[in-house]
Amino acid sequence: MNKKVFFLFLGLLFCCVLVCAQEVQKSDLHQKAEAVNPSQDIAKARSLYIHAFNDYVNKGQTKLAVECGVKAAALYHKESFFKESFELLRRVDQTINTSGDKSPSAQAALHYQVTKERLQMYMKFRKIESAKEQLNTMENQANVSNDESLKNDLLYNKAIFYYTFGQTAQGNAVFQEMAKKLTASKEYDKVDEVYQTLISNGRKSNNASLVAQSYSNYIAWKDSTNALKHADEIGALKKQIADNEATISDKDSSLTTRWVIIIGLIILAVALAAALAVGAIILLRYILQTRKQKKTIKLANESNALKAKFISNISAQLEPTLQKLDNSTPEVKALLDFSSHIQTLSELENSTDEIELEETQIQSFCEGLMDQIRDKVKSDVTLTVKAPKMGVSLNKEYVSHILLHLLDNAAEYTPEGGKITLDYEKRSAHTHHFLVSDTGCGIPAEKQEDVFKPFREIKDLTTGDGLGLPICKQMALKMNGDLDIDPNYTKGTRFILSLQS
């Protein structure tokens, strides 16, 4: 008896460990993306989902990467950016194919989500052949995955496909098959939800025939289901009576069995008490470590502030001496520029001054910036400005500095016959973007984050000190905006300056 109780206790502990091990924590980027309401700021939600997708890919968390990638593609689709949506879905498929999990069923289940999003777009295009091809692919993927929930979802999408393209008879047949399947497994709530969804879709698309047909089928199913529910309730009552009778007959069970149960509960209570004591000790250690870490972080922040001030002071003290040297010498000029850049970066990081805005005519502002690099580009390079005639409140000093630096870099790296473009986009009532694109050699994906970090490597200052982009990044952040590289742009390099007005 004691051995049985011991093994029962071990089994309970093993189950708890398995449950804890299977929990998957979503990343901060993923949680931030889910917290954004797409109806209020769809661009921000999409950007966060794309960043979360790239982060999960780098970490090898394919399932969560697919979830974020498909959601971002759906947001592209919602704004009719179909080209970007299809391109992102292609990348998601590649991620699944190159993932560490080579199980055909697992990969098929993930591919199903991607194919389903493509189906939605083709149905929106009213391309029946392309939509039919995606539906056939989904059926194959659902079969390979051997996932019953995907097979039920496939039936629903088949019905929607047939109704969308006016094939009402086929839609009714598939829908009846799905309703029958779920009803047989007594999943009445799911069938009811599917009927309600179908009726709602018909109303949204102003399809009176679909609404009438769906409602008629729903009433007929409801009547038949009520009879089944009554039969289930009678069966449940009969079972309850039988169980009560069995319970009464078991009242004469032996005293030994009762003592075993009591002893088992006592052992379990002792084990839980011990676990609580261990948990209390761990929590206390965690609190002490957290206090120590906070103190360490505070000291580190104070130390960094002092270091920044010290470096800025050194730079300021060196400048008068450097000014006395021949600044026509490349090395001296490089030192002067480096000293100036250090002071600028230090001031940006430590300044708490408010940024002043002024009304600016976007088209003339952008054309003026592009004119400043015309003499710097190589032969046959096309310069294009795409900006509307409208006024926007912005800090001209910072924005001019950032865009001119990006355009200078584009002029340097764009080959003969290439193209440099400066775009302006109004993304929402309070969000707008400047985009600088070129057809140069591009920046490798693994280096895109490092270009905004200062002092990443030791360089020959005559070839540049690497502080230009970090300064631009700090300026963007000071304006309550951001500066990033577009990871989806593959024809060269595209920088996106996001600003909040």
Protein backbone atom coordinates (compact mmCIF):
# COMPACT_ATOMS: atom_id res chain seq x y z
CA MET A 1 0.00 0.00 0.00
CA ASN A 2 2.81 2.43 0.91
CA LYS A 3 4.50 1.83 -2.46
CA LYS A 4 1.29 2.65 -4.33
CA VAL A 5 0.91 5.94 -2.46
CA PHE A 6 4.57 6.80 -3.14
CA PHE A 7 4.26 6.17 -6.89
CA LEU A 8 0.99 8.16 -6.99
CA PHE A 9 2.77 11.12 -5.42
CA LEU A 10 5.68 10.86 -7.90
CA GLY A 11 3.17 10.78 -10.78
CA LEU A 12 1.55 14.01 -9.57
CA LEU A 13 4.92 15.78 -9.37
CA PHE A 14 5.90 14.53 -12.86
CA CYS A 15 2.68 15.90 -14.37
CA CYS A 16 3.31 19.32 -12.77
CA VAL A 17 6.83 19.41 -14.24
CA LEU A 18 5.53 18.53 -17.71
CA VAL A 19 2.89 21.29 -17.62
CA CYS A 20 5.47 23.90 -16.56
CA ALA A 21 7.92 22.76 -19.24
CA GLN A 22 5.36 23.05 -22.03
CA GLU A 23 4.42 26.67 -21.28
CA VAL A 24 5.76 29.02 -23.94
CA GLN A 25 6.42 32.61 -22.95
CA LYS A 26 5.68 35.16 -25.65
CA SER A 27 8.40 37.71 -26.32
CA ASP A 28 8.06 41.40 -25.36
CA LEU A 29 7.72 42.35 -29.05
CA HIS A 30 4.90 39.83 -29.50
CA GLN A 31 3.05 41.12 -26.43
CA LYS A 32 3.49 44.73 -27.56
CA ALA A 33 2.09 43.85 -31.00
CA GLU A 34 -0.97 42.20 -29.44
CA ALA A 35 -1.48 45.26 -27.21
CA VAL A 36 -1.80 47.62 -30.21
CA ASN A 37 -5.31 48.09 -31.64
CA PRO A 38 -4.88 47.72 -35.47
CA SER A 39 -7.91 49.94 -36.08
CA GLN A 40 -6.08 52.81 -34.34
CA ASP A 41 -2.48 52.27 -35.56
CA ILE A 42 -2.27 49.42 -38.06
CA ALA A 43 1.25 50.39 -39.23
CA LYS A 44 2.65 50.13 -35.70
CA ALA A 45 0.93 46.80 -35.05
CA ARG A 46 2.24 45.40 -38.35
CA SER A 47 5.78 46.66 -37.69
CA LEU A 48 5.84 45.07 -34.22
CA TYR A 49 4.56 41.74 -35.57
CA ILE A 50 7.29 41.80 -38.28
CA HIS A 51 9.98 42.54 -35.67
CA ALA A 52 8.58 39.76 -33.45
CA PHE A 53 8.62 37.40 -36.47
CA ASN A 54 12.29 38.16 -37.20
CA ASP A 55 13.16 37.79 -33.50
CA TYR A 56 11.46 34.38 -33.26
CA VAL A 57 13.19 33.22 -36.48
CA ASN A 58 16.59 34.13 -35.02
CA LYS A 59 15.70 32.22 -31.83
CA GLY A 60 14.46 29.17 -33.74
CA GLN A 61 10.90 29.46 -32.30
CA THR A 62 9.16 28.56 -35.56
CA LYS A 63 5.58 28.14 -34.31
CA LEU A 64 5.43 31.62 -32.74
CA ALA A 65 7.30 33.08 -35.74
CA VAL A 66 4.62 31.71 -38.08
CA GLU A 67 1.85 33.15 -35.88
CA CYS A 68 3.40 36.65 -35.96
CA GLY A 69 4.28 36.47 -39.67
CA VAL A 70 0.74 35.49 -40.71
CA LYS A 71 -0.77 38.25 -38.51
CA ALA A 72 1.54 40.85 -40.10
CA ALA A 73 0.62 39.59 -43.59
CA ALA A 74 -3.08 39.87 -42.69
CA LEU A 75 -2.51 43.51 -41.67
CA TYR A 76 -0.77 44.17 -45.01
CA HIS A 77 -3.75 42.53 -46.72
CA LYS A 78 -6.17 44.68 -44.72
CA GLU A 79 -4.56 47.86 -46.14
CA SER A 80 -4.45 46.34 -49.68
CA PHE A 81 -0.64 46.00 -49.63
CA PHE A 82 -0.98 42.65 -51.39
CA LYS A 83 2.52 42.52 -52.84
CA GLU A 84 4.10 42.98 -49.39
CA SER A 85 1.67 40.43 -47.93
CA PHE A 86 2.55 37.74 -50.48
CA GLU A 87 6.27 38.43 -50.03
CA LEU A 88 6.02 38.10 -46.24
CA LEU A 89 4.03 34.85 -46.55
CA ARG A 90 6.76 33.50 -48.84
CA ARG A 91 9.34 34.24 -46.14
CA VAL A 92 7.16 32.49 -43.54
CA ASP A 93 7.01 29.38 -45.75
CA GLN A 94 10.82 29.45 -46.11
CA THR A 95 11.15 29.72 -42.32
CA ILE A 96 9.00 26.61 -41.85
CA ASN A 97 10.99 24.67 -44.46
CA THR A 98 14.33 25.53 -42.85
CA SER A 99 13.20 25.02 -39.23
CA GLY A 100 14.72 22.38 -36.98
CA ASP A 101 11.40 20.49 -36.72
CA LYS A 102 11.33 18.24 -39.81
CA SER A 103 8.14 16.40 -38.78
CA PRO A 104 5.86 16.37 -41.87
CA SER A 105 2.71 16.69 -39.74
CA ALA A 106 4.07 19.67 -37.74
CA GLN A 107 5.29 21.46 -40.90
CA ALA A 108 1.99 20.82 -42.68
CA ALA A 109 0.03 22.34 -39.77
CA LEU A 110 2.18 25.51 -39.94
CA HIS A 111 2.00 25.74 -43.75
CA TYR A 112 -1.80 25.48 -43.43
CA GLN A 113 -1.94 28.86 -41.64
CA VAL A 114 0.07 30.52 -44.44
CA THR A 115 -2.00 28.97 -47.24
CA LYS A 116 -5.21 30.00 -45.48
CA GLU A 117 -4.13 33.67 -45.56
CA ARG A 118 -3.35 33.39 -49.29
CA LEU A 119 -6.84 31.93 -49.84
CA GLN A 120 -8.42 34.98 -48.17
CA MET A 121 -6.60 37.33 -50.57
CA TYR A 122 -7.44 35.36 -53.71
CA MET A 123 -11.10 35.26 -52.69
CA LYS A 124 -10.95 39.03 -52.20
CA PHE A 125 -9.47 39.31 -55.74
CA ARG A 126 -12.32 37.06 -56.98
CA LYS A 127 -9.70 34.77 -58.60
CA ILE A 128 -11.53 31.47 -58.43
CA GLU A 129 -8.82 29.28 -59.97
CA SER A 130 -6.06 30.59 -57.70
CA ALA A 131 -8.36 30.33 -54.67
CA LYS A 132 -9.29 26.75 -55.63
CA GLU A 133 -5.58 25.86 -55.88
CA GLN A 134 -4.97 27.21 -52.34
CA LEU A 135 -8.00 25.27 -51.05
CA ASN A 136 -6.62 22.02 -52.52
CA THR A 137 -3.26 22.73 -50.90
CA MET A 138 -4.96 23.33 -47.54
CA GLU A 139 -6.80 20.00 -47.84
CA ASN A 140 -3.52 18.16 -48.45
CA GLN A 141 -1.84 19.97 -45.52
CA ALA A 142 -4.76 19.21 -43.16
CA ASN A 143 -4.59 15.51 -44.09
CA VAL A 144 -0.81 15.35 -43.58
CA SER A 145 -1.06 17.16 -40.23
CA ASN A 146 -3.69 14.65 -39.03
CA ASP A 147 -5.13 17.49 -36.92
CA GLU A 148 -8.90 17.20 -36.46
CA SER A 149 -9.31 20.91 -35.71
CA LEU A 150 -7.63 21.80 -39.04
CA LYS A 151 -9.92 19.40 -40.89
CA ASN A 152 -12.95 21.11 -39.32
CA ASP A 153 -11.50 24.52 -40.23
CA LEU A 154 -10.97 23.28 -43.80
CA LEU A 155 -14.66 22.36 -44.10
CA TYR A 156 -15.61 25.87 -42.94
CA ASN A 157 -13.28 27.52 -45.49
CA LYS A 158 -14.59 25.25 -48.23
CA ALA A 159 -18.14 26.40 -47.46
CA ILE A 160 -17.09 30.06 -47.50
CA PHE A 161 -15.29 29.49 -50.85
CA TYR A 162 -18.36 27.98 -52.49
CA TYR A 163 -20.69 30.66 -51.14
CA THR A 164 -18.27 33.42 -52.21
CA PHE A 165 -18.26 32.25 -55.81
CA GLY A 166 -22.02 31.58 -55.97
CA GLN A 167 -21.80 27.78 -55.72
CA THR A 168 -24.57 27.57 -53.12
CA ALA A 169 -25.36 23.86 -53.56
CA GLN A 170 -21.74 22.80 -52.97
CA GLY A 171 -21.50 25.22 -50.02
CA ASN A 172 -24.61 23.75 -48.42
CA ALA A 173 -23.28 20.20 -48.86
CA VAL A 174 -19.93 21.02 -47.22
CA PHE A 175 -21.58 22.99 -44.44
CA GLN A 176 -23.99 20.16 -43.68
CA GLU A 177 -21.05 17.76 -43.53
CA MET A 178 -19.27 20.00 -41.02
CA ALA A 179 -22.39 20.55 -38.91
CA LYS A 180 -23.10 16.81 -38.87
CA LYS A 181 -19.53 16.03 -37.84
CA LEU A 182 -19.48 18.50 -34.94
CA THR A 183 -23.01 17.58 -33.86
CA ALA A 184 -22.05 13.90 -33.72
CA SER A 185 -19.26 14.78 -31.30
CA LYS A 186 -21.78 16.90 -29.31
CA GLU A 187 -19.85 20.13 -30.00
CA TYR A 188 -23.09 22.11 -30.29
CA ASP A 189 -21.53 25.44 -29.31
CA LYS A 190 -18.98 25.21 -32.13
CA VAL A 191 -21.68 24.49 -34.72
CA ASP A 192 -23.75 27.40 -33.42
CA GLU A 193 -20.69 29.68 -33.62
CA VAL A 194 -19.97 28.62 -37.22
CA TYR A 195 -23.57 29.31 -38.26
CA GLN A 196 -23.47 32.74 -36.60
CA THR A 197 -20.14 33.53 -38.33
CA LEU A 198 -21.53 32.50 -41.73
CA ILE A 199 -24.66 34.64 -41.27
CA SER A 200 -22.48 37.60 -40.17
CA ASN A 201 -20.22 37.21 -43.23
CA GLY A 202 -23.27 37.21 -45.48
CA ARG A 203 -24.52 40.45 -43.92
CA LYS A 204 -21.10 42.13 -44.19
CA SER A 205 -20.85 41.22 -47.91
CA ASN A 206 -24.53 42.21 -48.54
CA ASN A 207 -25.18 38.67 -49.81
CA ALA A 208 -28.91 38.30 -49.09
CA SER A 209 -29.03 34.80 -50.60
CA LEU A 210 -26.23 33.58 -48.32
CA VAL A 211 -27.90 35.12 -45.23
CA ALA A 212 -31.30 33.59 -46.06
CA GLN A 213 -29.87 30.15 -46.86
CA SER A 214 -27.64 30.14 -43.76
CA TYR A 215 -30.46 31.28 -41.46
CA SER A 216 -32.82 28.64 -42.84
CA ASN A 217 -30.23 25.89 -42.30
CA TYR A 218 -29.48 27.26 -38.84
CA ILE A 219 -33.14 27.09 -37.71
CA ALA A 220 -33.47 23.52 -39.03
CA TRP A 221 -30.27 22.45 -37.25
CA LYS A 222 -31.37 24.20 -34.04
CA ASP A 223 -34.64 22.25 -33.97
CA SER A 224 -32.90 18.91 -34.49
CA THR A 225 -30.24 19.76 -31.91
CA ASN A 226 -32.80 20.57 -29.22
CA ALA A 227 -34.15 17.03 -29.49
CA LEU A 228 -30.62 15.61 -29.21
CA LYS A 229 -29.92 17.81 -26.18
CA HIS A 230 -33.06 16.58 -24.43
CA ALA A 231 -32.01 12.99 -25.09
CA ASP A 232 -28.54 13.77 -23.71
CA GLU A 233 -30.06 15.33 -20.59
CA ILE A 234 -32.23 12.25 -19.99
CA GLY A 235 -29.19 10.02 -20.50
CA ALA A 236 -27.18 12.16 -18.08
CA LEU A 237 -29.92 11.90 -15.45
CA LYS A 238 -30.03 8.14 -15.86
CA LYS A 239 -26.25 7.95 -15.51
CA GLN A 240 -26.38 10.14 -12.40
CA ILE A 241 -28.97 7.84 -10.83
CA ALA A 242 -26.81 4.81 -11.64
CA ASP A 243 -23.75 6.54 -10.20
CA ASN A 244 -25.62 7.41 -7.00
CA GLU A 245 -26.72 3.80 -6.63
CA ALA A 246 -23.12 2.65 -7.12
CA THR A 247 -21.95 5.19 -4.54
CA ILE A 248 -24.46 3.90 -2.01
CA SER A 249 -23.27 0.34 -2.60
CA ASP A 250 -19.65 1.42 -2.06
CA LYS A 251 -20.36 2.79 1.41
CA ASP A 252 -19.37 -0.59 2.84
CA SER A 253 -15.77 -0.32 1.53
CA SER A 254 -13.06 -1.51 3.92
CA LEU A 255 -11.52 0.61 6.70
CA THR A 256 -8.04 -0.19 5.36
CA THR A 257 -8.76 1.60 2.07
CA ARG A 258 -9.96 4.69 3.95
CA TRP A 259 -6.80 4.73 6.06
CA VAL A 260 -4.67 4.50 2.90
CA ILE A 261 -6.46 7.54 1.44
CA ILE A 262 -6.02 9.49 4.70
CA ILE A 263 -2.30 8.62 4.86
CA GLY A 264 -1.88 9.60 1.19
CA LEU A 265 -3.52 12.96 1.82
CA ILE A 266 -1.29 13.56 4.85
CA ILE A 267 1.84 12.75 2.80
CA LEU A 268 0.63 15.04 0.01
CA ALA A 269 -0.06 17.85 2.52
CA VAL A 270 3.44 17.44 4.01
CA ALA A 271 4.96 17.52 0.51
CA LEU A 272 3.00 20.67 -0.38
CA ALA A 273 4.09 22.32 2.88
CA ALA A 274 7.71 21.45 2.10
CA ALA A 275 7.29 22.84 -1.44
CA LEU A 276 5.83 26.07 -0.02
CA ALA A 277 8.76 26.40 2.37
CA VAL A 278 11.26 25.90 -0.47
CA GLY A 279 9.30 28.40 -2.59
CA ALA A 280 9.42 30.96 0.23
CA ILE A 281 13.20 30.57 0.49
CA ILE A 282 13.61 30.95 -3.28
CA LEU A 283 11.34 34.02 -3.28
CA LEU A 284 13.33 35.61 -0.45
CA ARG A 285 16.60 35.02 -2.33
CA TYR A 286 15.06 36.47 -5.47
CA ILE A 287 13.97 39.63 -3.61
CA LEU A 288 17.46 40.08 -2.16
CA GLN A 289 19.07 39.53 -5.58
CA THR A 290 16.63 41.98 -7.20
CA ARG A 291 17.53 44.70 -4.67
CA LYS A 292 21.21 44.06 -5.31
CA GLN A 293 20.69 44.21 -9.09
CA LYS A 294 18.75 47.49 -8.80
CA LYS A 295 21.60 49.00 -6.82
CA THR A 296 24.12 47.71 -9.39
CA ILE A 297 22.07 49.14 -12.28
CA LYS A 298 21.80 52.51 -10.52
CA LEU A 299 25.57 52.62 -10.00
CA ALA A 300 26.14 51.57 -13.63
CA ASN A 301 23.82 54.34 -14.91
CA GLU A 302 25.59 56.93 -12.75
CA SER A 303 28.96 55.63 -13.96
CA ASN A 304 27.83 55.81 -17.61
CA ALA A 305 26.65 59.41 -17.13
CA LEU A 306 30.01 60.36 -15.63
CA LYS A 307 31.85 58.57 -18.45
CA ALA A 308 29.79 60.39 -21.07
CA LYS A 309 30.47 63.75 -19.41
CA PHE A 310 34.16 62.91 -19.09
CA ILE A 311 34.43 61.95 -22.78
CA SER A 312 32.56 65.09 -23.81
CA ASN A 313 34.89 67.24 -21.66
CA ILE A 314 37.97 65.60 -23.19
CA SER A 315 36.60 66.22 -26.68
CA ALA A 316 35.90 69.89 -25.86
CA GLN A 317 39.40 70.35 -24.38
CA LEU A 318 41.10 68.76 -27.39
CA GLU A 319 39.26 70.86 -29.97
CA PRO A 320 41.15 74.18 -29.43
CA THR A 321 44.45 72.33 -29.86
CA LEU A 322 43.27 70.52 -32.98
CA GLN A 323 42.04 73.80 -34.48
CA LYS A 324 45.64 75.08 -34.42
CA LEU A 325 46.74 72.20 -36.67
CA ASP A 326 46.47 72.18 -40.46
CA ASN A 327 42.86 71.06 -40.97
CA SER A 328 43.52 70.47 -44.67
CA THR A 329 45.34 67.30 -43.61
CA PRO A 330 42.90 64.32 -43.82
CA GLU A 331 44.04 62.97 -40.44
CA VAL A 332 43.50 66.32 -38.64
CA LYS A 333 40.13 66.85 -40.31
CA ALA A 334 39.12 63.30 -39.29
CA LEU A 335 40.08 64.04 -35.65
CA LEU A 336 38.13 67.32 -35.69
CA ASP A 337 35.03 65.58 -37.11
CA PHE A 338 35.38 62.74 -34.58
CA SER A 339 35.63 65.25 -31.71
CA SER A 340 32.56 67.12 -32.95
CA HIS A 341 30.57 63.90 -33.39
CA ILE A 342 31.42 62.75 -29.85
CA GLN A 343 30.20 66.05 -28.41
CA THR A 344 26.99 65.91 -30.48
CA LEU A 345 26.26 62.30 -29.44
CA SER A 346 26.95 63.09 -25.78
CA GLU A 347 24.68 66.15 -25.85
CA LEU A 348 21.86 64.18 -27.47
CA GLU A 349 22.09 61.37 -24.92
CA ASN A 350 22.14 63.68 -21.90
CA SER A 351 19.96 66.57 -23.04
CA THR A 352 16.46 66.94 -21.58
CA ASP A 353 15.48 70.04 -23.58
CA GLU A 354 12.11 70.06 -25.39
CA ILE A 355 12.19 69.74 -29.18
CA GLU A 356 10.71 72.79 -30.95
CA LEU A 357 8.51 72.22 -34.02
CA GLU A 358 7.71 74.50 -36.92
CA GLU A 359 5.28 74.26 -39.84
CA THR A 360 7.16 73.03 -42.92
CA GLN A 361 6.10 72.61 -46.56
CA ILE A 362 7.05 69.01 -47.25
CA GLN A 363 7.49 69.07 -51.03
CA SER A 364 9.85 72.06 -51.18
CA PHE A 365 11.67 70.82 -48.05
CA CYS A 366 12.37 67.40 -49.61
CA GLU A 367 13.33 68.84 -53.01
CA GLY A 368 15.78 71.22 -51.31
CA LEU A 369 17.50 68.32 -49.54
CA MET A 370 17.75 66.32 -52.78
CA ASP A 371 19.29 69.31 -54.59
CA GLN A 372 22.17 69.30 -52.06
CA ILE A 373 23.42 65.88 -53.23
CA ARG A 374 23.04 66.30 -57.01
CA ASP A 375 26.74 67.10 -57.41
CA LYS A 376 27.76 64.09 -55.28
CA VAL A 377 26.05 61.25 -57.19
CA LYS A 378 27.65 59.14 -59.91
CA SER A 379 26.69 59.49 -63.56
CA ASP A 380 23.19 58.51 -64.73
CA VAL A 381 21.90 58.14 -61.14
CA THR A 382 18.18 59.05 -61.03
CA LEU A 383 17.06 61.27 -58.15
CA THR A 384 13.33 61.13 -57.30
CA VAL A 385 11.25 63.00 -54.72
CA LYS A 386 7.75 61.77 -53.89
CA ALA A 387 6.18 64.26 -51.49
CA PRO A 388 2.77 65.94 -51.44
CA LYS A 389 2.13 69.65 -51.24
CA MET A 390 1.19 69.87 -47.57
CA GLY A 391 2.40 71.38 -44.32
CA VAL A 392 3.69 69.34 -41.37
CA SER A 393 4.98 70.40 -37.95
CA LEU A 394 8.53 69.07 -37.44
CA ASN A 395 11.98 70.01 -36.16
CA LYS A 396 13.72 71.10 -39.36
CA GLU A 397 17.21 71.02 -37.85
CA TYR A 398 17.08 67.37 -36.77
CA VAL A 399 15.07 66.09 -39.73
CA SER A 400 17.34 67.89 -42.23
CA HIS A 401 20.44 66.47 -40.53
CA ILE A 402 19.08 62.90 -40.61
CA LEU A 403 17.77 62.94 -44.19
CA LEU A 404 20.84 64.70 -45.58
CA HIS A 405 23.13 62.14 -43.89
CA LEU A 406 21.09 59.28 -45.37
CA LEU A 407 21.08 60.90 -48.83
CA ASP A 408 24.88 61.46 -48.66
CA ASN A 409 25.37 57.78 -47.84
CA ALA A 410 23.05 56.81 -50.70
CA ALA A 411 25.01 59.02 -53.11
CA GLU A 412 28.26 57.33 -52.02
CA TYR A 413 27.07 53.73 -52.37
CA THR A 414 24.68 53.93 -55.35
CA PRO A 415 26.46 52.80 -58.56
CA GLU A 416 26.21 54.42 -62.00
CA GLY A 417 22.75 54.13 -63.51
CA GLY A 418 21.20 53.55 -60.08
CA LYS A 419 18.30 55.27 -58.35
CA ILE A 420 17.88 57.29 -55.13
CA THR A 421 14.38 58.09 -53.86
CA LEU A 422 13.12 60.32 -51.04
CA ASP A 423 9.47 59.53 -50.13
CA TYR A 424 7.05 61.02 -47.61
CA GLU A 425 4.05 59.03 -46.34
CA LYS A 426 1.24 60.12 -44.02
CA ARG A 427 0.56 56.88 -42.13
CA SER A 428 -2.14 58.14 -39.76
CA ALA A 429 -3.45 61.33 -38.16
CA HIS A 430 -0.33 61.61 -35.96
CA THR A 431 2.25 59.38 -37.67
CA HIS A 432 4.30 60.12 -40.77
CA HIS A 433 7.33 58.54 -42.45
CA PHE A 434 10.28 59.76 -44.51
CA LEU A 435 11.82 56.95 -46.62
CA VAL A 436 15.27 57.13 -48.23
CA SER A 437 15.82 54.29 -50.73
CA ASP A 438 18.78 53.44 -52.97
CA THR A 439 19.81 50.65 -55.32
CA GLY A 440 23.25 50.18 -53.83
CA CYS A 441 24.88 47.03 -52.47
CA GLY A 442 22.63 47.00 -49.36
CA ILE A 443 23.47 46.22 -45.73
CA PRO A 444 23.63 42.53 -44.68
CA ALA A 445 20.77 41.52 -42.36
CA GLU A 446 23.15 40.49 -39.58
CA LYS A 447 24.73 43.98 -39.53
CA GLN A 448 21.53 46.07 -39.76
CA GLU A 449 21.10 46.47 -36.00
CA ASP A 450 24.79 47.24 -35.37
CA VAL A 451 24.93 50.27 -37.70
CA PHE A 452 23.00 52.32 -35.11
CA LYS A 453 25.35 51.41 -32.23
CA PRO A 454 28.39 53.65 -31.66
CA PHE A 455 31.95 52.43 -31.01
CA ARG A 456 31.23 48.89 -32.25
CA GLU A 457 34.67 48.56 -33.87
CA ILE A 458 38.05 50.26 -34.13
CA LYS A 459 38.24 52.14 -37.42
CA ASP A 460 40.61 54.33 -39.43
CA LEU A 461 39.01 57.74 -38.75
CA THR A 462 39.97 59.02 -42.20
CA THR A 463 37.45 56.55 -43.66
CA GLY A 464 34.69 57.61 -41.25
CA ASP A 465 34.13 57.25 -37.51
CA GLY A 466 30.84 55.28 -37.67
CA LEU A 467 28.98 57.83 -35.52
CA GLY A 468 26.76 59.31 -38.26
CA LEU A 469 23.91 56.81 -38.03
CA PRO A 470 24.03 56.56 -34.18
CA ILE A 471 23.67 60.38 -34.05
CA CYS A 472 20.74 60.22 -36.48
CA LYS A 473 19.13 57.48 -34.36
CA GLN A 474 19.45 59.61 -31.20
CA MET A 475 17.94 62.62 -33.00
CA ALA A 476 14.97 60.51 -34.11
CA LEU A 477 14.42 59.25 -30.56
CA LYS A 478 14.62 62.83 -29.21
CA MET A 479 11.74 63.71 -31.56
CA ASN A 480 9.67 60.85 -30.10
CA GLY A 481 10.27 58.89 -33.31
CA ASP A 482 12.63 56.21 -34.59
CA LEU A 483 15.03 55.38 -37.41
CA ASP A 484 15.17 51.84 -38.80
CA ILE A 485 16.20 49.84 -41.85
CA ASP A 486 13.33 48.27 -43.80
CA PRO A 487 14.05 44.50 -43.59
CA ASN A 488 11.65 43.75 -46.49
CA TYR A 489 13.41 46.01 -49.01
CA THR A 490 15.75 43.86 -51.16
CA LYS A 491 16.76 46.14 -54.05
CA GLY A 492 19.40 47.99 -52.02
CA THR A 493 18.84 49.83 -48.75
CA ARG A 494 15.79 51.68 -47.43
CA PHE A 495 15.84 53.74 -44.22
CA ILE A 496 12.52 54.67 -42.54
CA LEU A 497 12.36 57.77 -40.32
CA SER A 498 9.15 57.50 -38.26
CA LEU A 499 7.86 60.67 -36.58
CA GLN A 500 4.93 61.48 -34.32
CA SER A 501 3.27 64.88 -34.86
